[in-house]
Amino acid sequence: MPTMKSITATSIALGLAIAVTLSGCAGGGQAPATDAKRVSGGTIVYGHQQEPACVFGGWIEQAYLSYQVIDNLVSLDANHKVVPWLAETWKPSDDQLSWTFTLKKGVTFTDGTPVDAAAVAYNFDYWLQGGNSTAEVWLQGYYRSAEVVDATTVRINLLKPYPRLADNLTQSYFGIQSEKALTTRSKEENCAAPIGSGAFIVEKWNRGEDIILKRNKNYTSPPANAKHTGAAYVDTIDWKFISDPTTRVATLRSGETNAIYDVPAIEWKNLEGQKYQLLKYVTPGRPQQISFNTAQGPFTDEKVRQAFAYSLNRRQIVETIGRGVIPYEGNGGVSQTTPGYSTKAADLYSYDPKKANSLLDAAGWNQKDSSGYRVKDGKTLEVVLPYGAGSIINADGASILQGVQEQAKAVGFKVKLVPVPQSAFFGGAYSKPAERDLAVGYWTAVNAGILYINWRQSLPDDPNYNNAAFLNDPTLESYILQANSTSDVAEQNALYQKAQDYIAEHALAIGVYDRLSTLAVSPSLKGVWQETAQGGPVFYDAYFVK
């Protein structure tokens, strides 16, 4: 296989659909003959846009990777139904304060140790003790303990009812690792090559270039929604990190990769016309939205928040940049694919610059400087909008934010866009109220329970660093807490909708566009699909044809 350097050089220099011979791989957009036959084994060369710090962790980019290596208790099928994976059955108690999971028998981790109740119980405690920050915030306030009933039965005890527990466990943040590996290996070893029971095993991580995953020949525990049983069809996955979107597309066309992630909107129709398989998944949960700093600065005034919302023709921006690929999203609470979605919240703020100007006048920002920016008490209405460049916000997203900047300027907002590198962004840059006025970003989820993570109050003895608006609102929190513990789905969704409407009415956050997981796949690679909990690529069922 070519190295990362050779891929980059070739792709930039040529950018053409040239034929490249790869072991077990067939490149280019030309479709295989109709009598194409399955090829045994081979290596999938996959181009991903970001390299995480560890294989397993609390970021969705890690979840996509760890899904290949680490199995979950349960999976989510295409109908949003929870189906078996490591667990064959699960059931809440009558009082909803415990859940009992019965595990498949005979499943082992790739280090030879059993996937048993003790290992599962250990993982729950491990997550809550900092082993996975995202798993921790999902369970925080609900998890009490994990109890080993017998070798294949584990009981999860709760502090209060949590009817969507099984749904949430389908996310790869809840992948089950070997207890032996977690207790006997170093953090560095478990970071680079975690031990799961999955279809692939981490063979080697070439930092800055790729991760090599090899087939687990003894794999016996695919989820119920997989397309086959037994070991994966291919021998190896070469999971490459190619940050530049133009380069990723060029490697696909040249045959140097067989599949790529995060397809630029401008290339979508071109690749489709060239016979590549295009997959798109709108992730449920929080969309790409803008939250307002309600703790300090100009957006402590609700009128100013509303003025900003009315100043933007968000649909026009997204449809222009997104070219029909990226969906516009008006709801600042959850995306349109999330159960319990409120269309009322999504439709509350249409483009109305006249109303925006009127609100700013009423808020005292009734003067303008020579550049057209609003002024109050001698201070310019400048607002800081940092964003995770190349991590949370891709190239298309950055262009959308530039559109936001330009449109807000027309009514007098001076928006300062600050691209923040991945290391600084995840290191906590611009995370404090004094450092920013606006925050943009997403959170994937399988239900509207994500509102609990994003809007739970941040109190001195119980801080919530995921509350991007720095808002402490007991009323909003009460709607979400009631929803989280309500068993009736219709009642639960009604409460989640009430919370979304509250967020919109008070202009605490506004939606911009839905976060996508997109794939482009060579015609010679079949069986690739996207898992439904988070939209990550699934290579377990994939195979080559010739």
Protein backbone atom coordinates (compact mmCIF):
# COMPACT_ATOMS: atom_id res chain seq x y z
CA MET A 1 0.00 0.00 0.00
CA PRO A 2 1.22 3.55 -0.67
CA THR A 3 2.24 5.68 2.29
CA MET A 4 0.31 8.77 3.38
CA LYS A 5 2.97 11.00 1.82
CA SER A 6 2.74 9.22 -1.52
CA ILE A 7 -1.06 9.41 -1.48
CA THR A 8 -0.99 13.15 -0.83
CA ALA A 9 1.63 13.85 -3.47
CA THR A 10 -0.02 11.72 -6.12
CA SER A 11 -3.48 13.07 -5.48
CA ILE A 12 -2.53 16.72 -5.54
CA ALA A 13 -0.31 16.35 -8.57
CA LEU A 14 -2.72 14.34 -10.65
CA GLY A 15 -6.23 14.61 -9.27
CA LEU A 16 -7.24 12.18 -12.01
CA ALA A 17 -8.99 8.85 -12.10
CA ILE A 18 -5.88 6.81 -12.75
CA ALA A 19 -5.62 3.09 -12.15
CA VAL A 20 -3.62 2.04 -9.13
CA THR A 21 -3.08 -1.60 -8.27
CA LEU A 22 -3.76 -2.40 -4.64
CA SER A 23 -3.84 -5.82 -3.01
CA GLY A 24 -7.45 -6.88 -2.83
CA CYS A 25 -8.61 -3.42 -3.93
CA ALA A 26 -10.13 -2.04 -7.11
CA GLY A 27 -10.08 1.71 -7.63
CA GLY A 28 -11.77 4.33 -9.74
CA GLY A 29 -15.40 4.99 -10.48
CA GLN A 30 -15.90 2.42 -13.21
CA ALA A 31 -18.56 -0.08 -12.16
CA PRO A 32 -17.61 -3.78 -12.09
CA ALA A 33 -19.09 -6.03 -14.74
CA THR A 34 -22.61 -7.27 -14.05
CA ASP A 35 -21.25 -10.78 -13.52
CA ALA A 36 -18.76 -9.50 -10.91
CA LYS A 37 -17.67 -12.07 -8.35
CA ARG A 38 -16.82 -11.63 -4.71
CA VAL A 39 -13.12 -11.49 -3.91
CA SER A 40 -11.94 -13.34 -0.85
CA GLY A 41 -10.07 -11.16 1.65
CA GLY A 42 -8.31 -7.97 0.61
CA THR A 43 -7.59 -4.62 2.24
CA ILE A 44 -10.05 -1.75 2.45
CA VAL A 45 -8.19 1.56 2.24
CA TYR A 46 -10.42 4.11 3.92
CA GLY A 47 -9.81 7.86 4.04
CA HIS A 48 -11.07 9.55 7.21
CA GLN A 49 -10.68 13.26 7.86
CA GLN A 50 -9.56 13.34 11.49
CA GLU A 51 -7.16 11.49 13.75
CA PRO A 52 -8.31 11.06 17.36
CA ALA A 53 -6.08 10.93 20.40
CA CYS A 54 -7.19 7.36 21.23
CA VAL A 55 -9.15 4.65 19.45
CA PHE A 56 -11.84 4.55 22.17
CA GLY A 57 -13.19 7.72 23.74
CA GLY A 58 -15.94 10.29 24.04
CA TRP A 59 -15.77 11.90 20.60
CA ILE A 60 -17.85 10.63 17.70
CA GLU A 61 -14.73 10.29 15.53
CA GLN A 62 -13.47 7.78 18.09
CA ALA A 63 -16.85 6.05 18.15
CA TYR A 64 -16.64 5.45 14.39
CA LEU A 65 -13.25 3.82 14.84
CA SER A 66 -13.95 1.85 18.01
CA TYR A 67 -17.16 0.44 16.46
CA GLN A 68 -14.94 -1.75 14.28
CA VAL A 69 -13.04 -3.11 17.30
CA ILE A 70 -15.34 -3.05 20.33
CA ASP A 71 -18.84 -4.56 20.58
CA ASN A 72 -21.75 -3.00 22.50
CA LEU A 73 -24.42 -4.67 24.58
CA VAL A 74 -27.09 -3.62 22.08
CA SER A 75 -27.42 -2.10 18.60
CA LEU A 76 -29.93 0.18 16.88
CA ASP A 77 -31.53 -1.01 13.66
CA ALA A 78 -32.80 1.04 10.72
CA ASN A 79 -36.24 1.35 12.34
CA HIS A 80 -34.74 2.88 15.49
CA LYS A 81 -35.39 -0.37 17.36
CA VAL A 82 -32.90 -1.66 19.93
CA VAL A 83 -31.70 -5.12 18.90
CA PRO A 84 -29.30 -7.71 20.43
CA TRP A 85 -25.54 -7.53 20.23
CA LEU A 86 -23.52 -8.83 23.17
CA ALA A 87 -26.75 -8.96 25.14
CA GLU A 88 -29.45 -11.37 23.99
CA THR A 89 -32.19 -9.87 26.16
CA TRP A 90 -32.71 -6.89 28.48
CA LYS A 91 -35.59 -5.77 30.64
CA PRO A 92 -36.30 -2.98 33.12
CA SER A 93 -37.83 -3.75 36.50
CA ASP A 94 -41.42 -2.75 37.26
CA ASP A 95 -40.23 0.32 39.19
CA GLN A 96 -37.81 1.20 36.34
CA LEU A 97 -34.91 1.36 38.81
CA SER A 98 -32.94 -1.58 37.45
CA TRP A 99 -32.23 -3.15 34.07
CA THR A 100 -31.23 -6.80 33.66
CA PHE A 101 -29.10 -7.81 30.66
CA THR A 102 -28.56 -11.44 29.68
CA LEU A 103 -25.37 -11.95 27.66
CA LYS A 104 -24.60 -14.30 24.79
CA LYS A 105 -22.69 -17.33 25.94
CA GLY A 106 -19.20 -18.23 24.76
CA VAL A 107 -18.12 -14.79 23.52
CA THR A 108 -14.52 -13.83 24.26
CA PHE A 109 -12.43 -10.72 24.00
CA THR A 110 -9.50 -10.88 21.60
CA ASP A 111 -7.16 -11.43 24.57
CA GLY A 112 -9.01 -14.70 25.28
CA THR A 113 -10.87 -13.55 28.40
CA PRO A 114 -14.66 -14.04 28.57
CA VAL A 115 -17.23 -11.36 27.81
CA ASP A 116 -19.12 -12.02 31.02
CA ALA A 117 -21.22 -10.11 33.54
CA ALA A 118 -18.17 -9.15 35.59
CA ALA A 119 -16.52 -7.53 32.58
CA VAL A 120 -19.70 -5.62 31.71
CA ALA A 121 -20.13 -4.41 35.29
CA TYR A 122 -16.51 -3.29 35.36
CA ASN A 123 -17.01 -1.26 32.18
CA PHE A 124 -19.96 0.65 33.64
CA ASP A 125 -17.91 1.65 36.68
CA TYR A 126 -14.95 2.44 34.43
CA TRP A 127 -17.01 4.89 32.34
CA LEU A 128 -18.35 6.67 35.42
CA GLN A 129 -14.85 6.99 36.84
CA GLY A 130 -13.57 8.89 33.81
CA GLY A 131 -12.96 6.07 31.35
CA ASN A 132 -15.25 7.72 28.81
CA SER A 133 -16.38 11.30 29.38
CA THR A 134 -19.39 11.06 27.06
CA ALA A 135 -20.65 7.79 28.52
CA GLU A 136 -20.24 9.41 31.93
CA VAL A 137 -22.39 12.47 31.16
CA TRP A 138 -25.13 10.30 29.65
CA LEU A 139 -25.37 8.20 32.84
CA GLN A 140 -24.51 10.90 35.36
CA GLY A 141 -27.33 11.39 37.85
CA TYR A 142 -28.95 8.05 36.90
CA TYR A 143 -26.39 5.29 37.42
CA ARG A 144 -26.10 3.73 40.87
CA SER A 145 -24.24 0.44 40.41
CA ALA A 146 -23.69 -2.65 38.29
CA GLU A 147 -24.45 -5.99 39.90
CA VAL A 148 -23.23 -9.41 38.75
CA VAL A 149 -26.16 -11.82 39.06
CA ASP A 150 -24.36 -14.75 37.44
CA ALA A 151 -21.79 -15.30 34.71
CA THR A 152 -24.11 -14.16 31.89
CA THR A 153 -26.48 -11.84 33.78
CA VAL A 154 -25.74 -8.29 34.85
CA ARG A 155 -28.11 -5.89 36.57
CA ILE A 156 -27.73 -2.12 36.19
CA ASN A 157 -29.19 -0.29 39.19
CA LEU A 158 -30.39 3.29 38.82
CA LEU A 159 -30.98 6.28 41.09
CA LYS A 160 -34.16 7.21 39.19
CA PRO A 161 -36.06 5.85 36.17
CA TYR A 162 -34.27 6.08 32.83
CA PRO A 163 -36.50 4.44 30.19
CA ARG A 164 -34.15 5.21 27.29
CA LEU A 165 -31.15 3.47 28.86
CA ALA A 166 -31.02 0.68 26.26
CA ASP A 167 -31.37 3.18 23.40
CA ASN A 168 -28.44 5.20 24.66
CA LEU A 169 -26.26 2.12 25.13
CA THR A 170 -26.29 1.59 21.35
CA GLN A 171 -23.78 4.44 20.97
CA SER A 172 -20.16 3.32 20.67
CA TYR A 173 -19.16 5.31 23.74
CA PHE A 174 -20.61 2.29 25.57
CA GLY A 175 -18.43 -0.34 23.90
CA ILE A 176 -17.41 -3.20 26.21
CA GLN A 177 -13.65 -3.69 26.71
CA SER A 178 -11.68 -6.47 28.32
CA GLU A 179 -11.48 -6.02 32.08
CA LYS A 180 -8.09 -7.72 32.05
CA ALA A 181 -6.79 -5.23 29.48
CA LEU A 182 -8.13 -2.24 31.40
CA THR A 183 -6.62 -3.41 34.68
CA THR A 184 -3.26 -4.83 33.57
CA ARG A 185 -2.19 -2.76 30.56
CA SER A 186 -1.00 0.86 30.57
CA LYS A 187 -3.27 3.75 29.59
CA GLU A 188 -1.10 4.24 26.52
CA GLU A 189 -1.60 0.62 25.42
CA ASN A 190 -5.36 0.76 25.89
CA CYS A 191 -5.46 4.11 24.12
CA ALA A 192 -3.63 2.91 21.01
CA ALA A 193 -5.04 -0.63 20.83
CA PRO A 194 -8.06 -1.29 23.08
CA ILE A 195 -9.12 -4.89 23.53
CA GLY A 196 -12.69 -5.63 22.57
CA SER A 197 -14.56 -8.58 21.12
CA GLY A 198 -15.15 -6.89 17.76
CA ALA A 199 -14.79 -7.91 14.14
CA PHE A 200 -11.36 -6.28 13.86
CA ILE A 201 -8.25 -5.91 16.01
CA VAL A 202 -5.90 -2.93 16.11
CA GLU A 203 -2.65 -4.18 14.64
CA LYS A 204 -0.64 -0.98 14.32
CA TRP A 205 -1.06 2.78 14.66
CA ASN A 206 1.25 4.87 12.53
CA ARG A 207 0.66 8.24 14.18
CA GLY A 208 -0.16 10.97 11.73
CA GLU A 209 -0.75 8.49 8.93
CA ASP A 210 -3.06 5.52 9.56
CA ILE A 211 -4.30 2.73 11.80
CA ILE A 212 -4.15 -0.86 10.55
CA LEU A 213 -7.04 -3.06 11.63
CA LYS A 214 -6.84 -6.80 10.99
CA ARG A 215 -9.69 -9.27 10.89
CA ASN A 216 -10.66 -11.09 14.07
CA LYS A 217 -10.83 -14.62 12.65
CA ASN A 218 -12.65 -15.88 15.72
CA TYR A 219 -15.45 -13.29 15.65
CA THR A 220 -18.77 -14.71 16.83
CA SER A 221 -20.83 -11.76 18.07
CA PRO A 222 -22.15 -9.49 15.29
CA PRO A 223 -25.18 -7.32 16.11
CA ALA A 224 -28.60 -8.59 15.06
CA ASN A 225 -28.78 -5.94 12.32
CA ALA A 226 -25.54 -7.05 10.64
CA LYS A 227 -25.79 -8.62 7.18
CA HIS A 228 -23.96 -11.87 7.92
CA THR A 229 -22.43 -13.90 10.75
CA GLY A 230 -18.91 -15.16 11.39
CA ALA A 231 -15.68 -13.33 10.64
CA ALA A 232 -15.46 -10.20 8.45
CA TYR A 233 -14.99 -10.78 4.73
CA VAL A 234 -11.89 -8.59 4.27
CA ASP A 235 -8.50 -9.23 5.84
CA THR A 236 -7.55 -5.68 6.74
CA ILE A 237 -8.74 -2.10 7.01
CA ASP A 238 -6.16 0.61 6.38
CA TRP A 239 -7.85 3.53 8.18
CA LYS A 240 -5.99 6.54 6.82
CA PHE A 241 -6.15 10.11 8.06
CA ILE A 242 -6.52 12.56 5.18
CA SER A 243 -7.57 15.95 6.50
CA ASP A 244 -7.91 17.85 3.23
CA PRO A 245 -11.30 17.18 1.55
CA THR A 246 -9.99 17.77 -1.98
CA THR A 247 -7.21 15.26 -1.39
CA ARG A 248 -9.62 12.67 0.01
CA VAL A 249 -11.79 12.87 -3.10
CA ALA A 250 -8.75 12.68 -5.36
CA THR A 251 -7.52 9.52 -3.63
CA LEU A 252 -10.89 7.90 -4.20
CA ARG A 253 -10.90 8.79 -7.88
CA SER A 254 -7.35 7.58 -8.33
CA GLY A 255 -8.10 4.28 -6.61
CA GLU A 256 -5.74 4.90 -3.72
CA THR A 257 -8.67 4.67 -1.34
CA ASN A 258 -11.77 2.50 -1.64
CA ALA A 259 -13.98 4.67 0.55
CA ILE A 260 -13.81 8.14 2.05
CA TYR A 261 -15.65 10.03 4.76
CA ASP A 262 -17.04 13.59 4.79
CA VAL A 263 -17.77 14.14 1.10
CA PRO A 264 -17.68 17.85 0.15
CA ALA A 265 -21.11 19.07 -1.00
CA ILE A 266 -19.63 20.40 -4.24
CA GLU A 267 -18.44 16.89 -5.18
CA TRP A 268 -21.59 14.96 -4.32
CA LYS A 269 -23.31 14.95 -7.73
CA ASN A 270 -20.01 14.49 -9.56
CA LEU A 271 -19.18 11.33 -7.62
CA GLU A 272 -22.71 10.05 -7.96
CA GLY A 273 -22.49 10.48 -11.72
CA GLN A 274 -19.20 8.60 -11.74
CA LYS A 275 -20.91 5.53 -10.24
CA TYR A 276 -19.57 5.81 -6.71
CA GLN A 277 -21.93 4.72 -3.96
CA LEU A 278 -22.95 7.75 -1.89
CA LEU A 279 -24.21 7.26 1.67
CA LYS A 280 -25.64 10.06 3.79
CA TYR A 281 -26.85 9.88 7.38
CA VAL A 282 -28.36 12.87 9.22
CA THR A 283 -27.24 12.28 12.79
CA PRO A 284 -29.91 12.57 15.49
CA GLY A 285 -29.15 14.67 18.55
CA ARG A 286 -28.05 18.27 18.65
CA PRO A 287 -27.56 19.78 15.18
CA GLN A 288 -24.89 22.25 14.18
CA GLN A 289 -26.34 25.16 16.12
CA ILE A 290 -25.32 28.47 17.61
CA SER A 291 -25.70 28.92 21.38
CA PHE A 292 -25.71 32.37 22.97
CA ASN A 293 -23.64 33.29 26.01
CA THR A 294 -26.34 34.15 28.55
CA ALA A 295 -23.89 34.74 31.42
CA GLN A 296 -22.16 37.91 30.20
CA GLY A 297 -21.84 40.14 27.16
CA PRO A 298 -24.47 41.52 24.78
CA PHE A 299 -26.42 38.27 24.51
CA THR A 300 -27.54 38.43 28.14
CA ASP A 301 -30.31 40.57 26.61
CA GLU A 302 -32.98 38.35 25.05
CA LYS A 303 -33.82 41.08 22.51
CA VAL A 304 -30.25 41.00 21.19
CA ARG A 305 -30.37 37.20 20.90
CA GLN A 306 -33.62 37.40 19.00
CA ALA A 307 -32.23 40.16 16.77
CA PHE A 308 -29.31 37.94 15.82
CA ALA A 309 -31.69 35.11 14.94
CA TYR A 310 -33.87 37.36 12.78
CA SER A 311 -30.83 38.86 11.03
CA LEU A 312 -29.95 35.55 9.38
CA ASN A 313 -31.42 33.86 6.33
CA ARG A 314 -30.02 30.57 7.56
CA ARG A 315 -31.89 28.48 5.04
CA GLN A 316 -30.47 30.47 2.13
CA ILE A 317 -26.92 30.19 3.45
CA VAL A 318 -27.15 26.43 4.00
CA GLU A 319 -28.87 25.68 0.70
CA THR A 320 -26.32 27.77 -1.20
CA ILE A 321 -23.26 26.20 0.44
CA GLY A 322 -24.82 22.76 0.92
CA ARG A 323 -26.03 22.32 -2.68
CA GLY A 324 -28.95 20.15 -1.64
CA VAL A 325 -26.71 17.79 0.34
CA ILE A 326 -26.55 19.56 3.70
CA PRO A 327 -30.01 19.95 5.29
CA TYR A 328 -31.04 23.29 6.79
CA GLU A 329 -32.03 23.03 10.45
CA GLY A 330 -33.88 25.76 12.34
CA ASN A 331 -34.19 23.95 15.67
CA GLY A 332 -31.42 24.80 18.13
CA GLY A 333 -32.29 21.91 20.45
CA VAL A 334 -32.33 18.74 18.37
CA SER A 335 -32.09 17.75 14.71
CA GLN A 336 -35.00 16.73 12.49
CA THR A 337 -34.10 13.01 12.66
CA THR A 338 -34.38 12.97 16.46
CA PRO A 339 -37.46 11.39 18.05
CA GLY A 340 -39.49 14.09 19.81
CA TYR A 341 -38.48 16.85 17.37
CA SER A 342 -40.39 20.16 17.59
CA THR A 343 -41.24 21.81 14.26
CA LYS A 344 -42.59 24.78 16.22
CA ALA A 345 -39.13 25.48 17.62
CA ALA A 346 -37.58 25.00 14.18
CA ASP A 347 -39.89 27.52 12.52
CA LEU A 348 -39.87 30.27 15.14
CA TYR A 349 -37.30 32.63 13.57
CA SER A 350 -37.60 33.40 9.90
CA TYR A 351 -35.38 35.92 8.14
CA ASP A 352 -36.63 39.38 9.16
CA PRO A 353 -33.96 42.13 9.14
CA LYS A 354 -36.59 44.79 9.85
CA LYS A 355 -37.54 43.04 13.08
CA ALA A 356 -33.85 42.52 13.91
CA ASN A 357 -33.17 46.24 13.55
CA SER A 358 -36.18 47.12 15.67
CA LEU A 359 -35.09 44.78 18.45
CA LEU A 360 -31.56 46.20 18.47
CA ASP A 361 -32.95 49.74 18.66
CA ALA A 362 -35.15 48.71 21.60
CA ALA A 363 -32.13 47.13 23.32
CA GLY A 364 -30.25 50.44 23.15
CA TRP A 365 -27.97 49.56 20.26
CA ASN A 366 -29.44 52.40 18.23
CA GLN A 367 -26.27 54.03 16.92
CA LYS A 368 -23.92 52.92 14.13
CA ASP A 369 -20.26 53.61 13.47
CA SER A 370 -18.72 54.47 10.10
CA SER A 371 -18.53 50.77 9.18
CA GLY A 372 -22.21 50.18 9.89
CA TYR A 373 -21.74 48.30 13.16
CA ARG A 374 -24.05 48.98 16.08
CA VAL A 375 -22.72 51.03 19.01
CA LYS A 376 -23.98 51.44 22.58
CA ASP A 377 -22.33 53.61 25.22
CA GLY A 378 -19.33 53.95 22.94
CA LYS A 379 -18.88 50.18 22.59
CA THR A 380 -19.16 48.32 19.26
CA LEU A 381 -21.51 45.34 19.05
CA GLU A 382 -18.67 42.88 18.42
CA VAL A 383 -19.31 39.21 19.23
CA VAL A 384 -16.75 36.42 19.24
CA LEU A 385 -17.61 33.12 17.54
CA PRO A 386 -14.84 30.49 17.89
CA TYR A 387 -15.19 27.12 16.16
CA GLY A 388 -13.33 23.83 16.03
CA ALA A 389 -11.77 24.14 12.58
CA GLY A 390 -11.40 20.79 10.83
CA SER A 391 -12.79 18.92 13.82
CA ILE A 392 -16.26 20.05 14.86
CA ILE A 393 -16.69 22.26 11.78
CA ASN A 394 -15.59 20.97 8.37
CA ALA A 395 -14.81 23.06 5.27
CA ASP A 396 -18.47 23.38 4.23
CA GLY A 397 -19.40 24.36 7.77
CA ALA A 398 -16.72 27.07 7.84
CA SER A 399 -18.20 28.55 4.65
CA ILE A 400 -21.65 28.54 6.25
CA LEU A 401 -20.30 30.45 9.25
CA GLN A 402 -18.79 33.03 6.92
CA GLY A 403 -22.29 33.47 5.49
CA VAL A 404 -23.61 33.99 9.02
CA GLN A 405 -20.94 36.62 9.61
CA GLU A 406 -21.88 38.54 6.46
CA GLN A 407 -25.62 38.49 7.05
CA ALA A 408 -25.36 39.53 10.70
CA LYS A 409 -23.21 42.46 9.59
CA ALA A 410 -26.13 43.88 7.59
CA VAL A 411 -28.03 44.74 10.80
CA GLY A 412 -24.94 45.85 12.72
CA PHE A 413 -23.35 42.80 14.37
CA LYS A 414 -19.58 42.57 14.07
CA VAL A 415 -18.99 38.81 14.22
CA LYS A 416 -15.41 37.81 14.87
CA LEU A 417 -14.86 34.25 13.59
CA VAL A 418 -12.02 32.44 15.34
CA PRO A 419 -10.91 29.09 13.82
CA VAL A 420 -9.49 26.99 16.67
CA PRO A 421 -7.14 24.05 15.92
CA GLN A 422 -8.21 20.62 17.18
CA SER A 423 -5.60 20.40 19.95
CA ALA A 424 -6.51 23.82 21.36
CA PHE A 425 -10.24 23.27 20.99
CA PHE A 426 -10.22 19.99 22.92
CA GLY A 427 -7.74 21.51 25.32
CA GLY A 428 -10.41 23.95 26.51
CA ALA A 429 -9.68 27.09 24.48
CA TYR A 430 -12.62 29.51 24.33
CA SER A 431 -14.60 27.45 26.83
CA LYS A 432 -15.18 30.20 29.42
CA PRO A 433 -17.89 32.89 29.41
CA ALA A 434 -15.33 35.68 29.15
CA GLU A 435 -13.78 34.14 26.03
CA ARG A 436 -16.75 33.91 23.67
CA ASP A 437 -20.20 35.29 22.92
CA LEU A 438 -21.37 32.48 20.66
CA ALA A 439 -20.67 28.76 20.49
CA VAL A 440 -21.24 26.48 17.51
CA GLY A 441 -21.28 22.70 17.54
CA TYR A 442 -23.23 19.45 17.68
CA TRP A 443 -23.80 16.39 19.88
CA THR A 444 -24.92 13.14 18.34
CA ALA A 445 -27.57 11.15 20.18
CA VAL A 446 -30.30 8.60 19.50
CA ASN A 447 -33.06 10.57 21.25
CA ALA A 448 -33.88 14.01 22.61
CA GLY A 449 -32.29 13.06 25.94
CA ILE A 450 -29.28 14.95 24.61
CA LEU A 451 -31.06 18.04 25.97
CA TYR A 452 -30.10 16.83 29.45
CA ILE A 453 -26.42 16.99 28.60
CA ASN A 454 -26.60 20.33 26.81
CA TRP A 455 -28.94 22.23 29.16
CA ARG A 456 -28.56 20.74 32.64
CA GLN A 457 -27.67 23.51 35.06
CA SER A 458 -24.02 24.09 35.90
CA LEU A 459 -23.86 24.50 39.67
CA PRO A 460 -20.81 24.94 41.94
CA ASP A 461 -21.12 21.43 43.39
CA ASP A 462 -22.27 19.88 40.10
CA PRO A 463 -20.72 21.70 37.11
CA ASN A 464 -21.91 21.08 33.55
CA TYR A 465 -19.17 21.97 31.09
CA ASN A 466 -21.40 20.97 28.17
CA ASN A 467 -23.85 23.82 28.79
CA ALA A 468 -22.59 26.04 25.96
CA ALA A 469 -25.01 28.88 26.78
CA PHE A 470 -23.82 29.03 30.42
CA LEU A 471 -27.52 28.98 31.33
CA ASN A 472 -28.90 27.94 34.71
CA ASP A 473 -32.64 27.66 34.20
CA PRO A 474 -34.56 25.40 36.61
CA THR A 475 -37.72 25.57 34.46
CA LEU A 476 -35.98 24.27 31.35
CA GLU A 477 -34.15 21.62 33.35
CA SER A 478 -37.41 20.42 34.93
CA TYR A 479 -38.98 19.74 31.51
CA ILE A 480 -35.97 17.67 30.48
CA LEU A 481 -35.72 15.73 33.75
CA GLN A 482 -39.43 14.88 33.60
CA ALA A 483 -39.02 13.67 30.02
CA ASN A 484 -35.98 11.54 30.85
CA SER A 485 -37.92 9.56 33.46
CA THR A 486 -41.27 9.31 31.64
CA SER A 487 -41.98 5.81 30.33
CA ASP A 488 -44.80 6.69 27.93
CA VAL A 489 -43.08 7.64 24.67
CA ALA A 490 -45.74 10.13 23.58
CA GLU A 491 -45.66 11.92 26.94
CA GLN A 492 -41.89 11.86 26.94
CA ASN A 493 -41.65 13.40 23.47
CA ALA A 494 -44.22 16.07 24.40
CA LEU A 495 -42.01 17.13 27.32
CA TYR A 496 -38.90 17.15 25.14
CA GLN A 497 -40.79 19.32 22.64
CA LYS A 498 -41.77 21.67 25.44
CA ALA A 499 -38.08 22.05 26.30
CA GLN A 500 -37.17 22.75 22.67
CA ASP A 501 -39.91 25.36 22.40
CA TYR A 502 -38.63 27.03 25.57
CA ILE A 503 -35.11 27.17 24.11
CA ALA A 504 -36.45 28.75 20.91
CA GLU A 505 -38.83 31.20 22.56
CA HIS A 506 -36.04 32.61 24.69
CA ALA A 507 -33.53 32.50 21.82
CA LEU A 508 -31.05 30.45 23.83
CA ALA A 509 -29.81 28.61 20.72
CA ILE A 510 -30.69 28.59 17.04
CA GLY A 511 -30.19 25.77 14.56
CA VAL A 512 -28.16 26.24 11.40
CA TYR A 513 -27.73 22.89 9.65
CA ASP A 514 -27.91 19.20 10.42
CA ARG A 515 -24.72 17.31 11.06
CA LEU A 516 -24.06 14.68 8.42
CA SER A 517 -22.10 11.49 8.21
CA THR A 518 -21.31 10.95 4.52
CA LEU A 519 -19.42 8.25 2.66
CA ALA A 520 -18.33 7.75 -0.94
CA VAL A 521 -17.51 4.15 -1.82
CA SER A 522 -15.83 2.65 -4.89
CA PRO A 523 -18.08 0.44 -7.08
CA SER A 524 -15.67 -2.43 -6.47
CA LEU A 525 -16.41 -2.40 -2.73
CA LYS A 526 -19.80 -3.74 -1.69
CA GLY A 527 -21.65 -4.19 1.60
CA VAL A 528 -20.59 -0.95 3.30
CA TRP A 529 -23.37 0.56 5.42
CA GLN A 530 -23.83 3.16 8.16
CA GLU A 531 -24.82 2.12 11.65
CA THR A 532 -27.96 3.86 12.85
CA ALA A 533 -26.95 5.11 16.30
CA GLN A 534 -24.31 7.54 15.03
CA GLY A 535 -23.92 7.04 11.28
CA GLY A 536 -20.43 5.59 11.32
CA PRO A 537 -19.12 3.33 8.55
CA VAL A 538 -19.53 -0.43 9.02
CA PHE A 539 -16.92 -2.54 7.25
CA TYR A 540 -17.76 -5.89 8.86
CA ASP A 541 -20.09 -6.84 5.98
CA ALA A 542 -17.98 -5.26 3.22
CA TYR A 543 -16.32 -7.23 0.44
CA PHE A 544 -14.62 -6.64 -2.92
CA VAL A 545 -15.88 -7.73 -6.30
CA LYS A 546 -14.12 -8.04 -9.63
